[in-house]
Amino acid sequence: MEILNTNNYDFRIFEIQNPEGTLAPNDTQYIYVLFRPLEAKEYSIDLPIKISDIEGPSPHSHMLKLRGTGYHPEHEDLKPEEVKFYGDLPKCRAYVEEEG
């Protein structure tokens, strides 16, 4: 990610909001990412997901590719089409207390 930042005026294009965490078996966790493009171009990074509790050599990692396309707000007609990966992703992050 440092190379991407260096190539973009030391600006964080992708910012991982929850870079660490653990999962219980059969659990789901979302990775929250801020995407802030500076220019009308494509950006991508490989995000390593470290896995340390399964059989085999430990720890190892799985690569997740994050991609995004920036566009100029004055050129809405050139705005890239949104590609939805999954239908059940949350629209936004919200804090819910233990009671609710």
PDB file of N, CA and C in Angstrom:
ATOM      1  N   MET A   1       0.831  -1.183   0.000  1.00  0.00           N
ATOM      2  CA  MET A   1       0.000   0.000   0.000  1.00  0.00           C
ATOM      3  C   MET A   1       0.882   1.255   0.000  1.00  0.00           C
ATOM      4  N   GLU A   2       2.073   1.145   0.584  1.00  0.00           N
ATOM      5  CA  GLU A   2       2.974   2.292   0.630  1.00  0.00           C
ATOM      6  C   GLU A   2       3.393   2.740  -0.772  1.00  0.00           C
ATOM      7  N   ILE A   3       3.570   1.776  -1.678  1.00  0.00           N
ATOM      8  CA  ILE A   3       3.950   2.126  -3.054  1.00  0.00           C
ATOM      9  C   ILE A   3       2.831   2.927  -3.720  1.00  0.00           C
ATOM     10  N   LEU A   4       1.595   2.487  -3.536  1.00  0.00           N
ATOM     11  CA  LEU A   4       0.453   3.214  -4.099  1.00  0.00           C
ATOM     12  C   LEU A   4       0.398   4.627  -3.538  1.00  0.00           C
ATOM     13  N   ASN A   5       0.586   4.768  -2.230  1.00  0.00           N
ATOM     14  CA  ASN A   5       0.574   6.100  -1.617  1.00  0.00           C
ATOM     15  C   ASN A   5       1.704   6.962  -2.166  1.00  0.00           C
ATOM     16  N   THR A   6       2.901   6.409  -2.262  1.00  0.00           N
ATOM     17  CA  THR A   6       4.054   7.154  -2.769  1.00  0.00           C
ATOM     18  C   THR A   6       3.819   7.619  -4.200  1.00  0.00           C
ATOM     19  N   ASN A   7       3.219   6.770  -5.011  1.00  0.00           N
ATOM     20  CA  ASN A   7       2.946   7.131  -6.404  1.00  0.00           C
ATOM     21  C   ASN A   7       1.790   8.121  -6.549  1.00  0.00           C
ATOM     22  N   ASN A   8       1.118   8.434  -5.458  1.00  0.00           N
ATOM     23  CA  ASN A   8      -0.010   9.360  -5.494  1.00  0.00           C
ATOM     24  C   ASN A   8       0.176  10.481  -4.469  1.00  0.00           C
ATOM     25  N   TYR A   9       1.350  11.106  -4.525  1.00  0.00           N
ATOM     26  CA  TYR A   9       1.641  12.296  -3.716  1.00  0.00           C
ATOM     27  C   TYR A   9       1.547  12.022  -2.217  1.00  0.00           C
ATOM     28  N   ASP A  10       1.920  10.797  -1.798  1.00  0.00           N
ATOM     29  CA  ASP A  10       1.853  10.367  -0.389  1.00  0.00           C
ATOM     30  C   ASP A  10       0.462  10.525   0.199  1.00  0.00           C
ATOM     31  N   PHE A  11      -0.556  10.286  -0.614  1.00  0.00           N
ATOM     32  CA  PHE A  11      -1.951  10.366  -0.190  1.00  0.00           C
ATOM     33  C   PHE A  11      -2.506   8.956  -0.073  1.00  0.00           C
ATOM     34  N   ARG A  12      -3.287   8.692   0.956  1.00  0.00           N
ATOM     35  CA  ARG A  12      -3.889   7.375   1.145  1.00  0.00           C
ATOM     36  C   ARG A  12      -5.122   7.233   0.262  1.00  0.00           C
ATOM     37  N   ILE A  13      -4.973   6.502  -0.826  1.00  0.00           N
ATOM     38  CA  ILE A  13      -6.091   6.263  -1.737  1.00  0.00           C
ATOM     39  C   ILE A  13      -7.067   5.265  -1.109  1.00  0.00           C
ATOM     40  N   PHE A  14      -6.537   4.151  -0.604  1.00  0.00           N
ATOM     41  CA  PHE A  14      -7.330   3.157   0.111  1.00  0.00           C
ATOM     42  C   PHE A  14      -6.925   3.227   1.581  1.00  0.00           C
ATOM     43  N   GLU A  15      -7.898   3.365   2.460  1.00  0.00           N
ATOM     44  CA  GLU A  15      -7.605   3.372   3.894  1.00  0.00           C
ATOM     45  C   GLU A  15      -8.459   2.310   4.567  1.00  0.00           C
ATOM     46  N   ILE A  16      -7.803   1.307   5.124  1.00  0.00           N
ATOM     47  CA  ILE A  16      -8.496   0.215   5.801  1.00  0.00           C
ATOM     48  C   ILE A  16      -8.907   0.709   7.187  1.00  0.00           C
ATOM     49  N   GLN A  17     -10.199   0.684   7.478  1.00  0.00           N
ATOM     50  CA  GLN A  17     -10.711   1.197   8.746  1.00  0.00           C
ATOM     51  C   GLN A  17     -10.575   0.193   9.881  1.00  0.00           C
ATOM     52  N   ASN A  18     -10.590  -1.093   9.583  1.00  0.00           N
ATOM     53  CA  ASN A  18     -10.447  -2.130  10.613  1.00  0.00           C
ATOM     54  C   ASN A  18      -9.370  -3.118  10.151  1.00  0.00           C
ATOM     55  N   PRO A  19      -8.093  -2.737  10.281  1.00  0.00           N
ATOM     56  CA  PRO A  19      -7.024  -3.558   9.718  1.00  0.00           C
ATOM     57  C   PRO A  19      -6.743  -4.863  10.459  1.00  0.00           C
ATOM     58  N   GLU A  20      -7.282  -5.038  11.670  1.00  0.00           N
ATOM     59  CA  GLU A  20      -7.025  -6.253  12.426  1.00  0.00           C
ATOM     60  C   GLU A  20      -8.313  -6.801  13.010  1.00  0.00           C
ATOM     61  N   GLY A  21      -8.317  -8.068  13.260  1.00  0.00           N
ATOM     62  CA  GLY A  21      -9.476  -8.688  13.874  1.00  0.00           C
ATOM     63  C   GLY A  21      -9.358 -10.198  13.801  1.00  0.00           C
ATOM     64  N   THR A  22     -10.209 -10.873  14.527  1.00  0.00           N
ATOM     65  CA  THR A  22     -10.237 -12.327  14.500  1.00  0.00           C
ATOM     66  C   THR A  22     -11.652 -12.791  14.200  1.00  0.00           C
ATOM     67  N   LEU A  23     -11.736 -13.996  13.672  1.00  0.00           N
ATOM     68  CA  LEU A  23     -13.033 -14.584  13.329  1.00  0.00           C
ATOM     69  C   LEU A  23     -13.221 -15.908  14.050  1.00  0.00           C
ATOM     70  N   ALA A  24     -14.394 -16.118  14.557  1.00  0.00           N
ATOM     71  CA  ALA A  24     -14.768 -17.421  15.096  1.00  0.00           C
ATOM     72  C   ALA A  24     -15.199 -18.303  13.923  1.00  0.00           C
ATOM     73  N   PRO A  25     -15.216 -19.637  14.106  1.00  0.00           N
ATOM     74  CA  PRO A  25     -15.687 -20.514  13.019  1.00  0.00           C
ATOM     75  C   PRO A  25     -17.093 -20.117  12.558  1.00  0.00           C
ATOM     76  N   ASN A  26     -17.304 -20.131  11.261  1.00  0.00           N
ATOM     77  CA  ASN A  26     -18.571 -19.789  10.614  1.00  0.00           C
ATOM     78  C   ASN A  26     -19.011 -18.349  10.869  1.00  0.00           C
ATOM     79  N   ASP A  27     -18.087 -17.480  11.197  1.00  0.00           N
ATOM     80  CA  ASP A  27     -18.390 -16.074  11.450  1.00  0.00           C
ATOM     81  C   ASP A  27     -18.128 -15.267  10.182  1.00  0.00           C
ATOM     82  N   THR A  28     -18.705 -14.075  10.115  1.00  0.00           N
ATOM     83  CA  THR A  28     -18.510 -13.163   8.995  1.00  0.00           C
ATOM     84  C   THR A  28     -17.993 -11.837   9.524  1.00  0.00           C
ATOM     85  N   GLN A  29     -17.048 -11.263   8.819  1.00  0.00           N
ATOM     86  CA  GLN A  29     -16.531  -9.945   9.183  1.00  0.00           C
ATOM     87  C   GLN A  29     -16.343  -9.145   7.900  1.00  0.00           C
ATOM     88  N   TYR A  30     -16.776  -7.907   7.913  1.00  0.00           N
ATOM     89  CA  TYR A  30     -16.593  -7.029   6.759  1.00  0.00           C
ATOM     90  C   TYR A  30     -15.308  -6.236   6.917  1.00  0.00           C
ATOM     91  N   ILE A  31     -14.666  -5.946   5.818  1.00  0.00           N
ATOM     92  CA  ILE A  31     -13.487  -5.091   5.809  1.00  0.00           C
ATOM     93  C   ILE A  31     -13.955  -3.730   5.312  1.00  0.00           C
ATOM     94  N   TYR A  32     -13.855  -2.730   6.170  1.00  0.00           N
ATOM     95  CA  TYR A  32     -14.316  -1.392   5.821  1.00  0.00           C
ATOM     96  C   TYR A  32     -13.157  -0.601   5.243  1.00  0.00           C
ATOM     97  N   VAL A  33     -13.361  -0.087   4.021  1.00  0.00           N
ATOM     98  CA  VAL A  33     -12.304   0.599   3.296  1.00  0.00           C
ATOM     99  C   VAL A  33     -12.817   1.951   2.819  1.00  0.00           C
ATOM    100  N   LEU A  34     -12.026   2.993   3.067  1.00  0.00           N
ATOM    101  CA  LEU A  34     -12.306   4.298   2.464  1.00  0.00           C
ATOM    102  C   LEU A  34     -11.557   4.344   1.140  1.00  0.00           C
ATOM    103  N   PHE A  35     -12.238   4.670   0.077  1.00  0.00           N
ATOM    104  CA  PHE A  35     -11.614   4.838  -1.240  1.00  0.00           C
ATOM    105  C   PHE A  35     -11.720   6.308  -1.600  1.00  0.00           C
ATOM    106  N   ARG A  36     -10.562   6.968  -1.691  1.00  0.00           N
ATOM    107  CA  ARG A  36     -10.536   8.401  -1.986  1.00  0.00           C
ATOM    108  C   ARG A  36      -9.597   8.654  -3.164  1.00  0.00           C
ATOM    109  N   PRO A  37     -10.098   8.526  -4.377  1.00  0.00           N
ATOM    110  CA  PRO A  37      -9.233   8.723  -5.542  1.00  0.00           C
ATOM    111  C   PRO A  37      -8.886  10.194  -5.744  1.00  0.00           C
ATOM    112  N   LEU A  38      -7.686  10.427  -6.232  1.00  0.00           N
ATOM    113  CA  LEU A  38      -7.243  11.782  -6.542  1.00  0.00           C
ATOM    114  C   LEU A  38      -7.466  12.143  -7.998  1.00  0.00           C
ATOM    115  N   GLU A  39      -7.432  11.149  -8.864  1.00  0.00           N
ATOM    116  CA  GLU A  39      -7.503  11.395 -10.305  1.00  0.00           C
ATOM    117  C   GLU A  39      -8.495  10.439 -10.960  1.00  0.00           C
ATOM    118  N   ALA A  40      -8.858  10.761 -12.173  1.00  0.00           N
ATOM    119  CA  ALA A  40      -9.768   9.909 -12.947  1.00  0.00           C
ATOM    120  C   ALA A  40      -8.954   8.782 -13.579  1.00  0.00           C
ATOM    121  N   LYS A  41      -8.692   7.758 -12.766  1.00  0.00           N
ATOM    122  CA  LYS A  41      -7.946   6.596 -13.235  1.00  0.00           C
ATOM    123  C   LYS A  41      -8.282   5.403 -12.353  1.00  0.00           C
ATOM    124  N   GLU A  42      -7.764   4.234 -12.734  1.00  0.00           N
ATOM    125  CA  GLU A  42      -8.002   3.024 -11.961  1.00  0.00           C
ATOM    126  C   GLU A  42      -6.909   2.840 -10.923  1.00  0.00           C
ATOM    127  N   TYR A  43      -7.322   2.363  -9.752  1.00  0.00           N
ATOM    128  CA  TYR A  43      -6.403   2.087  -8.657  1.00  0.00           C
ATOM    129  C   TYR A  43      -6.631   0.647  -8.206  1.00  0.00           C
ATOM    130  N   SER A  44      -5.576   0.001  -7.729  1.00  0.00           N
ATOM    131  CA  SER A  44      -5.745  -1.330  -7.153  1.00  0.00           C
ATOM    132  C   SER A  44      -4.587  -1.622  -6.209  1.00  0.00           C
ATOM    133  N   ILE A  45      -4.887  -2.426  -5.192  1.00  0.00           N
ATOM    134  CA  ILE A  45      -3.866  -2.919  -4.273  1.00  0.00           C
ATOM    135  C   ILE A  45      -4.209  -4.357  -3.933  1.00  0.00           C
ATOM    136  N   ASP A  46      -3.197  -5.106  -3.533  1.00  0.00           N
ATOM    137  CA  ASP A  46      -3.392  -6.451  -3.018  1.00  0.00           C
ATOM    138  C   ASP A  46      -3.352  -6.363  -1.506  1.00  0.00           C
ATOM    139  N   LEU A  47      -4.388  -6.849  -0.862  1.00  0.00           N
ATOM    140  CA  LEU A  47      -4.510  -6.813   0.587  1.00  0.00           C
ATOM    141  C   LEU A  47      -4.319  -8.234   1.117  1.00  0.00           C
ATOM    142  N   PRO A  48      -3.226  -8.476   1.872  1.00  0.00           N
ATOM    143  CA  PRO A  48      -3.026  -9.826   2.403  1.00  0.00           C
ATOM    144  C   PRO A  48      -3.921 -10.084   3.602  1.00  0.00           C
ATOM    145  N   ILE A  49      -4.609 -11.214   3.592  1.00  0.00           N
ATOM    146  CA  ILE A  49      -5.422 -11.666   4.709  1.00  0.00           C
ATOM    147  C   ILE A  49      -4.634 -12.792   5.369  1.00  0.00           C
ATOM    148  N   LYS A  50      -4.163 -12.572   6.595  1.00  0.00           N
ATOM    149  CA  LYS A  50      -3.337 -13.563   7.279  1.00  0.00           C
ATOM    150  C   LYS A  50      -4.220 -14.599   7.969  1.00  0.00           C
ATOM    151  N   ILE A  51      -3.877 -15.858   7.741  1.00  0.00           N
ATOM    152  CA  ILE A  51      -4.635 -16.976   8.292  1.00  0.00           C
ATOM    153  C   ILE A  51      -3.675 -17.786   9.156  1.00  0.00           C
ATOM    154  N   SER A  52      -4.040 -17.996  10.431  1.00  0.00           N
ATOM    155  CA  SER A  52      -3.100 -18.683  11.312  1.00  0.00           C
ATOM    156  C   SER A  52      -3.708 -19.809  12.130  1.00  0.00           C
ATOM    157  N   ASP A  53      -4.932 -20.203  11.895  1.00  0.00           N
ATOM    158  CA  ASP A  53      -5.529 -21.214  12.754  1.00  0.00           C
ATOM    159  C   ASP A  53      -6.121 -22.404  11.999  1.00  0.00           C
ATOM    160  N   ILE A  54      -5.625 -22.680  10.808  1.00  0.00           N
ATOM    161  CA  ILE A  54      -6.122 -23.844  10.081  1.00  0.00           C
ATOM    162  C   ILE A  54      -4.973 -24.819   9.867  1.00  0.00           C
ATOM    163  N   GLU A  55      -5.291 -26.026   9.454  1.00  0.00           N
ATOM    164  CA  GLU A  55      -4.257 -27.034   9.244  1.00  0.00           C
ATOM    165  C   GLU A  55      -3.307 -26.610   8.149  1.00  0.00           C
ATOM    166  N   GLY A  56      -2.074 -27.078   8.264  1.00  0.00           N
ATOM    167  CA  GLY A  56      -1.065 -26.742   7.279  1.00  0.00           C
ATOM    168  C   GLY A  56      -0.107 -25.718   7.831  1.00  0.00           C
ATOM    169  N   PRO A  57       0.784 -25.233   6.982  1.00  0.00           N
ATOM    170  CA  PRO A  57       1.770 -24.262   7.459  1.00  0.00           C
ATOM    171  C   PRO A  57       1.074 -23.011   7.993  1.00  0.00           C
ATOM    172  N   SER A  58       1.522 -22.554   9.139  1.00  0.00           N
ATOM    173  CA  SER A  58       0.861 -21.422   9.782  1.00  0.00           C
ATOM    174  C   SER A  58       1.910 -20.412  10.182  1.00  0.00           C
ATOM    175  N   PRO A  59       1.721 -19.138  10.068  1.00  0.00           N
ATOM    176  CA  PRO A  59       0.581 -18.514   9.381  1.00  0.00           C
ATOM    177  C   PRO A  59       0.824 -18.441   7.880  1.00  0.00           C
ATOM    178  N   HIS A  60      -0.226 -18.328   7.123  1.00  0.00           N
ATOM    179  CA  HIS A  60      -0.120 -18.066   5.693  1.00  0.00           C
ATOM    180  C   HIS A  60      -1.138 -16.988   5.339  1.00  0.00           C
ATOM    181  N   SER A  61      -1.131 -16.553   4.109  1.00  0.00           N
ATOM    182  CA  SER A  61      -2.040 -15.458   3.765  1.00  0.00           C
ATOM    183  C   SER A  61      -2.742 -15.732   2.444  1.00  0.00           C
ATOM    184  N   HIS A  62      -3.852 -15.065   2.300  1.00  0.00           N
ATOM    185  CA  HIS A  62      -4.659 -15.096   1.082  1.00  0.00           C
ATOM    186  C   HIS A  62      -4.711 -13.657   0.582  1.00  0.00           C
ATOM    187  N   MET A  63      -4.525 -13.449  -0.708  1.00  0.00           N
ATOM    188  CA  MET A  63      -4.517 -12.087  -1.243  1.00  0.00           C
ATOM    189  C   MET A  63      -5.914 -11.703  -1.723  1.00  0.00           C
ATOM    190  N   LEU A  64      -6.328 -10.515  -1.328  1.00  0.00           N
ATOM    191  CA  LEU A  64      -7.595  -9.943  -1.742  1.00  0.00           C
ATOM    192  C   LEU A  64      -7.279  -8.683  -2.533  1.00  0.00           C
ATOM    193  N   LYS A  65      -7.739  -8.599  -3.767  1.00  0.00           N
ATOM    194  CA  LYS A  65      -7.459  -7.432  -4.599  1.00  0.00           C
ATOM    195  C   LYS A  65      -8.566  -6.397  -4.423  1.00  0.00           C
ATOM    196  N   LEU A  66      -8.159  -5.188  -4.031  1.00  0.00           N
ATOM    197  CA  LEU A  66      -9.096  -4.071  -3.938  1.00  0.00           C
ATOM    198  C   LEU A  66      -8.901  -3.206  -5.177  1.00  0.00           C
ATOM    199  N   ARG A  67     -10.008  -2.884  -5.840  1.00  0.00           N
ATOM    200  CA  ARG A  67      -9.944  -2.063  -7.053  1.00  0.00           C
ATOM    201  C   ARG A  67     -10.953  -0.936  -6.961  1.00  0.00           C
ATOM    202  N   GLY A  68     -10.593   0.186  -7.538  1.00  0.00           N
ATOM    203  CA  GLY A  68     -11.504   1.314  -7.591  1.00  0.00           C
ATOM    204  C   GLY A  68     -11.157   2.190  -8.774  1.00  0.00           C
ATOM    205  N   THR A  69     -12.142   2.913  -9.272  1.00  0.00           N
ATOM    206  CA  THR A  69     -11.933   3.813 -10.406  1.00  0.00           C
ATOM    207  C   THR A  69     -12.379   5.211 -10.011  1.00  0.00           C
ATOM    208  N   GLY A  70     -11.469   6.156 -10.121  1.00  0.00           N
ATOM    209  CA  GLY A  70     -11.799   7.546  -9.842  1.00  0.00           C
ATOM    210  C   GLY A  70     -12.351   8.224 -11.089  1.00  0.00           C
ATOM    211  N   TYR A  71     -13.141   9.257 -10.888  1.00  0.00           N
ATOM    212  CA  TYR A  71     -13.676  10.028 -12.013  1.00  0.00           C
ATOM    213  C   TYR A  71     -13.784  11.488 -11.589  1.00  0.00           C
ATOM    214  N   HIS A  72     -13.819  12.363 -12.556  1.00  0.00           N
ATOM    215  CA  HIS A  72     -13.931  13.795 -12.271  1.00  0.00           C
ATOM    216  C   HIS A  72     -15.411  14.130 -12.081  1.00  0.00           C
ATOM    217  N   PRO A  73     -15.759  14.831 -10.979  1.00  0.00           N
ATOM    218  CA  PRO A  73     -17.181  15.109 -10.709  1.00  0.00           C
ATOM    219  C   PRO A  73     -17.866  15.955 -11.773  1.00  0.00           C
ATOM    220  N   GLU A  74     -17.105  16.712 -12.545  1.00  0.00           N
ATOM    221  CA  GLU A  74     -17.711  17.512 -13.617  1.00  0.00           C
ATOM    222  C   GLU A  74     -18.059  16.668 -14.837  1.00  0.00           C
ATOM    223  N   HIS A  75     -17.649  15.408 -14.836  1.00  0.00           N
ATOM    224  CA  HIS A  75     -17.891  14.522 -15.984  1.00  0.00           C
ATOM    225  C   HIS A  75     -18.708  13.317 -15.524  1.00  0.00           C
ATOM    226  N   GLU A  76     -19.906  13.584 -15.023  1.00  0.00           N
ATOM    227  CA  GLU A  76     -20.794  12.518 -14.545  1.00  0.00           C
ATOM    228  C   GLU A  76     -21.073  11.485 -15.638  1.00  0.00           C
ATOM    229  N   ASP A  77     -21.060  11.904 -16.898  1.00  0.00           N
ATOM    230  CA  ASP A  77     -21.336  10.969 -17.989  1.00  0.00           C
ATOM    231  C   ASP A  77     -20.223   9.930 -18.131  1.00  0.00           C
ATOM    232  N   LEU A  78     -19.039  10.209 -17.598  1.00  0.00           N
ATOM    233  CA  LEU A  78     -17.925   9.264 -17.655  1.00  0.00           C
ATOM    234  C   LEU A  78     -17.775   8.466 -16.353  1.00  0.00           C
ATOM    235  N   LYS A  79     -18.726   8.629 -15.448  1.00  0.00           N
ATOM    236  CA  LYS A  79     -18.680   7.923 -14.171  1.00  0.00           C
ATOM    237  C   LYS A  79     -18.747   6.423 -14.428  1.00  0.00           C
ATOM    238  N   PRO A  80     -17.810   5.649 -13.851  1.00  0.00           N
ATOM    239  CA  PRO A  80     -17.836   4.200 -14.085  1.00  0.00           C
ATOM    240  C   PRO A  80     -19.069   3.555 -13.477  1.00  0.00           C
ATOM    241  N   GLU A  81     -19.516   2.499 -14.106  1.00  0.00           N
ATOM    242  CA  GLU A  81     -20.689   1.779 -13.616  1.00  0.00           C
ATOM    243  C   GLU A  81     -20.321   1.009 -12.356  1.00  0.00           C
ATOM    244  N   GLU A  82     -21.177   1.067 -11.356  1.00  0.00           N
ATOM    245  CA  GLU A  82     -20.924   0.364 -10.102  1.00  0.00           C
ATOM    246  C   GLU A  82     -21.147  -1.125 -10.294  1.00  0.00           C
ATOM    247  N   VAL A  83     -20.175  -1.920  -9.878  1.00  0.00           N
ATOM    248  CA  VAL A  83     -20.258  -3.368  -9.976  1.00  0.00           C
ATOM    249  C   VAL A  83     -20.504  -3.901  -8.575  1.00  0.00           C
ATOM    250  N   LYS A  84     -21.632  -4.577  -8.387  1.00  0.00           N
ATOM    251  CA  LYS A  84     -21.966  -5.126  -7.079  1.00  0.00           C
ATOM    252  C   LYS A  84     -21.489  -6.567  -7.014  1.00  0.00           C
ATOM    253  N   PHE A  85     -20.742  -6.874  -5.959  1.00  0.00           N
ATOM    254  CA  PHE A  85     -20.209  -8.217  -5.786  1.00  0.00           C
ATOM    255  C   PHE A  85     -21.216  -9.117  -5.090  1.00  0.00           C
ATOM    256  N   TYR A  86     -21.813  -8.586  -4.004  1.00  0.00           N
ATOM    257  CA  TYR A  86     -22.734  -9.364  -3.191  1.00  0.00           C
ATOM    258  C   TYR A  86     -23.957  -8.516  -2.886  1.00  0.00           C
ATOM    259  N   GLY A  87     -25.086  -9.148  -2.778  1.00  0.00           N
ATOM    260  CA  GLY A  87     -26.317  -8.422  -2.513  1.00  0.00           C
ATOM    261  C   GLY A  87     -26.569  -8.118  -1.056  1.00  0.00           C
ATOM    262  N   ASP A  88     -25.845  -8.791  -0.142  1.00  0.00           N
ATOM    263  CA  ASP A  88     -26.143  -8.627   1.273  1.00  0.00           C
ATOM    264  C   ASP A  88     -25.157  -7.732   2.016  1.00  0.00           C
ATOM    265  N   LEU A  89     -24.366  -6.952   1.306  1.00  0.00           N
ATOM    266  CA  LEU A  89     -23.422  -6.066   1.986  1.00  0.00           C
ATOM    267  C   LEU A  89     -24.163  -4.915   2.642  1.00  0.00           C
ATOM    268  N   PRO A  90     -23.690  -4.477   3.792  1.00  0.00           N
ATOM    269  CA  PRO A  90     -24.358  -3.347   4.448  1.00  0.00           C
ATOM    270  C   PRO A  90     -24.149  -2.056   3.666  1.00  0.00           C
ATOM    271  N   LYS A  91     -25.157  -1.200   3.634  1.00  0.00           N
ATOM    272  CA  LYS A  91     -25.049   0.063   2.915  1.00  0.00           C
ATOM    273  C   LYS A  91     -24.144   1.038   3.652  1.00  0.00           C
ATOM    274  N   CYS A  92     -24.124   0.957   4.979  1.00  0.00           N
ATOM    275  CA  CYS A  92     -23.241   1.811   5.761  1.00  0.00           C
ATOM    276  C   CYS A  92     -22.938   1.119   7.075  1.00  0.00           C
ATOM    277  N   ARG A  93     -21.942   1.630   7.723  1.00  0.00           N
ATOM    278  CA  ARG A  93     -21.552   1.079   9.014  1.00  0.00           C
ATOM    279  C   ARG A  93     -22.297   1.836  10.103  1.00  0.00           C
ATOM    280  N   ALA A  94     -22.819   1.134  11.071  1.00  0.00           N
ATOM    281  CA  ALA A  94     -23.544   1.771  12.166  1.00  0.00           C
ATOM    282  C   ALA A  94     -23.119   1.130  13.475  1.00  0.00           C
ATOM    283  N   TYR A  95     -23.111   1.919  14.517  1.00  0.00           N
ATOM    284  CA  TYR A  95     -22.783   1.401  15.833  1.00  0.00           C
ATOM    285  C   TYR A  95     -24.069   0.947  16.514  1.00  0.00           C
ATOM    286  N   VAL A  96     -24.064  -0.289  16.988  1.00  0.00           N
ATOM    287  CA  VAL A  96     -25.213  -0.828  17.688  1.00  0.00           C
ATOM    288  C   VAL A  96     -24.752  -1.240  19.076  1.00  0.00           C
ATOM    289  N   GLU A  97     -25.412  -0.736  20.088  1.00  0.00           N
ATOM    290  CA  GLU A  97     -25.041  -1.070  21.461  1.00  0.00           C
ATOM    291  C   GLU A  97     -25.437  -2.506  21.786  1.00  0.00           C
ATOM    292  N   GLU A  98     -24.923  -3.020  22.895  1.00  0.00           N
ATOM    293  CA  GLU A  98     -25.196  -4.399  23.279  1.00  0.00           C
ATOM    294  C   GLU A  98     -26.686  -4.669  23.427  1.00  0.00           C
ATOM    295  N   GLU A  99     -27.441  -3.678  23.909  1.00  0.00           N
ATOM    296  CA  GLU A  99     -28.873  -3.871  24.120  1.00  0.00           C
ATOM    297  C   GLU A  99     -29.656  -3.925  22.815  1.00  0.00           C
ATOM    298  N   GLY A 100     -29.119  -3.387  21.747  1.00  0.00           N
ATOM    299  CA  GLY A 100     -29.933  -3.302  20.540  1.00  0.00           C
ATOM    300  C   GLY A 100     -29.256  -3.774  19.334  1.00  0.00           C
TER     301      GLY A 100
END
